[in-house]
């Protein structure tokens, strides 16, 4: 309990820093989450690493969130949707249990009361969906088939709406991609291995947000899997 209260005090102290945090979408942002500090949420037993955040407990937010065993949130809705990828353990709500590798989209107008019996870690994006994107999605990626992509890459599409696309991409060891630009931007979370480009090396857990019309030459040395969102950062 003392550690939780100390963390909560730290979060309150840093409140102004976390307002409008990484919200200039024209800037490239790299966060290696394995090196970041966890902060408590308003619900005891739930902590998070903020990646981008418009305001305290509201607005556009992207985070890594950990539920300790038995932790829960009260029932709530998200004005502009919620997108989740389960990283570890089993995430649950009144509609079901979602094990590691599950991709979820809860659009505007949906609500739930999430919890985790044994603990879990999830990647969460709040209030970033178009109000016209009303498809509710639950995909267990462990059961889906990979498709052949560019070169030797394998791709698993998860969702698309207008210019936005979400997919898993598997890179075999030693694969190199062509240098390319990101029309509408690109957002990557490294799920396995290490993603590399001419600007740096990004181990598992790294979050990379590349703005509209940015470019790079990516490659890997070991098998690497990334969660990729494209087209959503156009001005």
Protein backbone atom coordinates (compact mmCIF):
# COMPACT_ATOMS: atom_id res chain seq x y z
CA UNK A 1 0.00 0.00 0.00
CA UNK A 2 2.85 2.41 0.84
CA UNK A 3 4.36 1.88 -2.61
CA UNK A 4 1.00 2.56 -4.27
CA UNK A 5 0.52 5.80 -2.30
CA UNK A 6 4.05 6.94 -3.13
CA UNK A 7 3.42 6.23 -6.80
CA UNK A 8 0.11 8.07 -6.70
CA UNK A 9 1.80 11.09 -5.10
CA UNK A 10 4.48 10.97 -7.81
CA UNK A 11 1.79 10.89 -10.51
CA UNK A 12 -0.03 13.84 -8.93
CA UNK A 13 3.24 15.76 -8.71
CA UNK A 14 3.92 15.07 -12.38
CA UNK A 15 0.35 15.87 -13.38
CA UNK A 16 1.24 18.99 -15.32
CA UNK A 17 4.01 17.10 -17.17
CA UNK A 18 1.52 14.45 -18.31
CA UNK A 19 -0.96 16.99 -19.66
CA UNK A 20 -0.49 17.25 -23.42
CA UNK A 21 2.27 14.63 -23.19
CA UNK A 22 3.74 13.69 -26.62
CA UNK A 23 0.69 15.21 -28.30
CA UNK A 24 2.51 17.01 -31.12
CA UNK A 25 1.72 14.39 -33.76
CA UNK A 26 4.17 15.99 -36.18
CA UNK A 27 7.06 14.85 -33.94
CA UNK A 28 8.76 11.45 -33.97
CA UNK A 29 8.57 9.75 -30.56
CA UNK A 30 10.47 6.67 -29.34
CA UNK A 31 9.79 5.12 -25.94
CA UNK A 32 11.51 1.93 -24.80
CA UNK A 33 8.90 0.93 -22.25
CA UNK A 34 11.21 -1.53 -20.50
CA UNK A 35 13.18 1.48 -19.26
CA UNK A 36 10.16 3.55 -18.14
CA UNK A 37 8.58 4.12 -14.73
CA UNK A 38 5.12 2.74 -13.91
CA UNK A 39 2.47 5.08 -12.49
CA UNK A 40 -0.72 4.12 -10.62
CA UNK A 41 -4.13 4.63 -12.19
CA UNK A 42 -7.27 5.77 -10.31
CA UNK A 43 -8.06 2.08 -9.73
CA UNK A 44 -5.98 0.28 -7.08
CA UNK A 45 -3.91 -2.54 -8.56
CA UNK A 46 -3.79 -1.04 -12.06
CA UNK A 47 -0.66 0.82 -13.18
CA UNK A 48 0.50 2.22 -16.50
CA UNK A 49 3.26 3.68 -18.61
CA UNK A 50 1.97 6.73 -20.54
CA UNK A 51 3.09 6.98 -24.17
CA UNK A 52 0.95 9.92 -25.27
CA UNK A 53 -1.71 11.69 -23.27
CA UNK A 54 -3.94 14.65 -24.00
CA UNK A 55 -5.22 15.26 -20.46
CA UNK A 56 -5.53 13.72 -17.02
CA UNK A 57 -7.98 10.81 -17.29
CA UNK A 58 -9.57 12.07 -20.51
CA UNK A 59 -8.94 12.61 -24.21
CA UNK A 60 -6.50 11.00 -26.64
CA UNK A 61 -4.35 8.52 -24.67
CA UNK A 62 -1.97 5.66 -25.46
CA UNK A 63 -0.50 3.57 -22.63
CA UNK A 64 0.91 0.25 -21.54
CA UNK A 65 -1.33 -0.89 -18.67
CA UNK A 66 -0.74 -3.63 -16.11
CA UNK A 67 -3.48 -5.23 -14.02
CA UNK A 68 -2.19 -6.97 -10.92
CA UNK A 69 -4.01 -10.22 -10.00
CA UNK A 70 -7.59 -9.44 -8.97
CA UNK A 71 -7.49 -5.79 -10.11
CA UNK A 72 -10.51 -4.24 -11.80
CA UNK A 73 -11.99 -1.02 -13.14
CA UNK A 74 -15.56 0.12 -12.61
CA UNK A 75 -17.85 0.10 -15.64
CA UNK A 76 -17.06 2.95 -18.01
CA UNK A 77 -17.39 4.06 -21.61
CA UNK A 78 -15.00 5.85 -23.97
CA UNK A 79 -16.42 8.77 -25.98
CA UNK A 80 -14.32 7.98 -29.03
CA UNK A 81 -13.55 4.31 -28.62
CA UNK A 82 -10.95 2.01 -27.14
CA UNK A 83 -8.38 -0.21 -28.88
CA UNK A 84 -6.53 -2.94 -26.97
CA UNK A 85 -3.86 -5.55 -27.65
CA UNK A 86 -3.31 -8.05 -24.84
CA UNK A 87 0.45 -8.44 -24.27
CA UNK A 88 0.60 -10.86 -21.32
CA UNK A 89 -1.84 -12.84 -19.19
CA UNK A 90 -5.62 -12.72 -19.57
CA UNK A 91 -7.67 -9.52 -19.73
CA UNK A 92 -11.39 -9.87 -19.00
CA UNK A 93 -14.68 -8.01 -18.92
CA UNK A 94 -18.34 -9.00 -18.61
CA UNK A 95 -18.27 -10.11 -22.26
CA UNK A 96 -15.43 -12.61 -22.02
CA UNK A 97 -11.80 -13.48 -21.36
CA UNK A 98 -9.06 -12.33 -23.75
CA UNK A 99 -5.70 -14.04 -23.53
CA UNK A 100 -2.33 -12.71 -24.71
CA UNK A 101 -2.42 -12.04 -28.45
CA UNK A 102 -6.04 -10.83 -28.54
CA UNK A 103 -6.85 -7.62 -30.44
CA UNK A 104 -9.96 -5.68 -29.35
CA UNK A 105 -11.81 -2.63 -30.63
CA UNK A 106 -14.66 -1.16 -28.58
CA UNK A 107 -16.17 1.70 -30.59
CA UNK A 108 -18.02 4.79 -29.50
CA UNK A 109 -21.14 3.91 -27.52
CA UNK A 110 -19.77 0.74 -25.92
CA UNK A 111 -19.02 0.27 -22.21
CA UNK A 112 -17.48 -2.41 -20.04
CA UNK A 113 -16.12 -3.25 -16.58
CA UNK A 114 -12.64 -4.74 -17.15
CA UNK A 115 -10.67 -6.92 -14.73
CA UNK A 116 -7.99 -9.59 -14.60
CA UNK A 117 -8.15 -12.56 -12.28
CA UNK A 118 -4.48 -13.55 -12.58
CA UNK A 119 -2.99 -10.31 -13.90
CA UNK A 120 -2.21 -9.05 -17.38
CA UNK A 121 -0.49 -6.37 -19.44
CA UNK A 122 -2.25 -4.60 -22.29
CA UNK A 123 -1.50 -1.93 -24.88
CA UNK A 124 -4.37 0.58 -24.88
CA UNK A 125 -5.38 3.44 -27.17
CA UNK A 126 -8.30 5.57 -25.96
CA UNK A 127 -10.50 8.11 -27.74
CA UNK A 128 -8.78 7.92 -31.13
CA UNK A 129 -11.46 6.33 -33.34
CA UNK A 130 -13.54 8.02 -35.98
CA UNK A 131 -17.15 8.36 -34.74
CA UNK A 132 -18.14 6.61 -37.98
CA UNK A 133 -16.01 3.55 -37.22
CA UNK A 134 -18.54 1.45 -35.32
CA UNK A 135 -17.21 -2.07 -35.88
CA UNK A 136 -16.61 -4.00 -32.67
CA UNK A 137 -13.65 -6.34 -33.13
CA UNK A 138 -12.32 -9.32 -31.16
CA UNK A 139 -9.49 -11.26 -32.86
CA UNK A 140 -7.44 -14.01 -31.23
CA UNK A 141 -4.30 -13.62 -33.33
CA UNK A 142 -3.02 -16.99 -32.07
CA UNK A 143 -5.70 -18.62 -34.25
CA UNK A 144 -5.39 -16.45 -37.37
CA UNK A 145 -3.38 -17.25 -40.48
CA UNK A 146 -0.43 -15.15 -41.61
CA UNK A 147 -0.45 -13.85 -45.19
CA UNK A 148 2.56 -13.23 -47.39
CA UNK A 149 3.59 -9.57 -47.53
CA UNK A 150 6.36 -7.61 -49.22
CA UNK A 151 9.53 -9.69 -49.65
CA UNK A 152 9.63 -12.36 -46.95
CA UNK A 153 7.42 -10.49 -44.50
CA UNK A 154 4.24 -12.11 -43.18
CA UNK A 155 1.22 -9.93 -42.38
CA UNK A 156 -1.93 -10.43 -40.31
CA UNK A 157 -4.48 -7.64 -41.01
CA UNK A 158 -6.54 -6.73 -37.95
CA UNK A 159 -8.64 -3.72 -38.93
CA UNK A 160 -9.00 -1.01 -41.56
CA UNK A 161 -11.20 2.05 -41.79
CA UNK A 162 -10.75 4.85 -44.32
CA UNK A 163 -6.99 5.63 -44.27
CA UNK A 164 -6.26 3.75 -41.04
CA UNK A 165 -4.87 0.23 -41.08
CA UNK A 166 -3.82 -2.07 -38.22
CA UNK A 167 -1.83 -5.28 -38.64
CA UNK A 168 0.73 -7.61 -37.16
CA UNK A 169 3.89 -7.97 -39.23
CA UNK A 170 6.36 -10.84 -38.80
CA UNK A 171 9.95 -10.23 -39.94
CA UNK A 172 12.17 -13.30 -40.49
CA UNK A 173 15.74 -13.09 -39.24
CA UNK A 174 17.93 -10.94 -41.47
CA UNK A 175 15.04 -9.33 -43.38
CA UNK A 176 15.53 -5.83 -44.82
CA UNK A 177 12.73 -3.62 -46.12
CA UNK A 178 13.06 -0.93 -48.77
CA UNK A 179 13.42 2.67 -47.62
CA UNK A 180 9.92 4.16 -47.62
CA UNK A 181 7.84 7.13 -46.50
CA UNK A 182 4.89 6.97 -44.13
CA UNK A 183 1.88 8.54 -45.82
CA UNK A 184 -0.36 9.40 -42.89
CA UNK A 185 2.27 8.31 -40.37
CA UNK A 186 3.12 5.01 -38.71
CA UNK A 187 2.94 3.71 -35.15
CA UNK A 188 4.78 0.55 -34.07
CA UNK A 189 4.85 -1.52 -30.89
CA UNK A 190 7.59 -4.19 -30.90
CA UNK A 191 6.07 -7.43 -29.59
CA UNK A 192 8.98 -9.81 -30.14
CA UNK A 193 12.64 -9.50 -31.11
CA UNK A 194 14.32 -6.22 -32.01
CA UNK A 195 13.29 -3.76 -34.74
CA UNK A 196 16.11 -1.67 -36.26
CA UNK A 197 16.48 1.26 -38.66
CA UNK A 198 19.15 3.84 -39.48
CA UNK A 199 18.12 5.85 -36.40
CA UNK A 200 18.38 3.19 -33.72
CA UNK A 201 17.56 -0.21 -32.28
CA UNK A 202 14.21 -0.91 -30.63
CA UNK A 203 13.87 -3.99 -28.39
CA UNK A 204 10.67 -5.72 -27.36
CA UNK A 205 8.30 -3.23 -25.76
CA UNK A 206 9.52 -0.23 -27.78
CA UNK A 207 6.88 2.20 -29.07
CA UNK A 208 7.75 4.24 -32.16
CA UNK A 209 5.50 6.96 -33.56
CA UNK A 210 6.68 8.29 -36.94
CA UNK A 211 4.85 11.34 -38.33
CA UNK A 212 3.21 11.92 -41.70
CA UNK A 213 5.75 11.78 -44.58
CA UNK A 214 8.64 10.63 -42.37
CA UNK A 215 10.83 7.88 -43.82
CA UNK A 216 13.24 5.16 -42.75
CA UNK A 217 15.05 1.98 -43.84
CA UNK A 218 14.01 -0.78 -41.39
CA UNK A 219 15.57 -4.21 -40.92
CA UNK A 220 15.96 -6.96 -38.31
CA UNK A 221 18.67 -9.39 -37.25
CA UNK A 222 16.40 -11.87 -35.44
CA UNK A 223 12.77 -12.88 -35.98
CA UNK A 224 10.72 -9.88 -34.96
CA UNK A 225 6.97 -9.24 -34.68
CA UNK A 226 5.51 -5.74 -34.59
CA UNK A 227 2.02 -4.31 -34.18
CA UNK A 228 1.64 -1.58 -36.79
CA UNK A 229 -0.93 1.18 -37.29
CA UNK A 230 -0.66 3.38 -40.39
CA UNK A 231 -2.45 6.31 -42.01
CA UNK A 232 -3.92 7.83 -38.83
CA UNK A 233 -1.45 10.68 -38.25
CA UNK A 234 -2.13 12.83 -41.31
CA UNK A 235 -2.58 16.51 -40.42
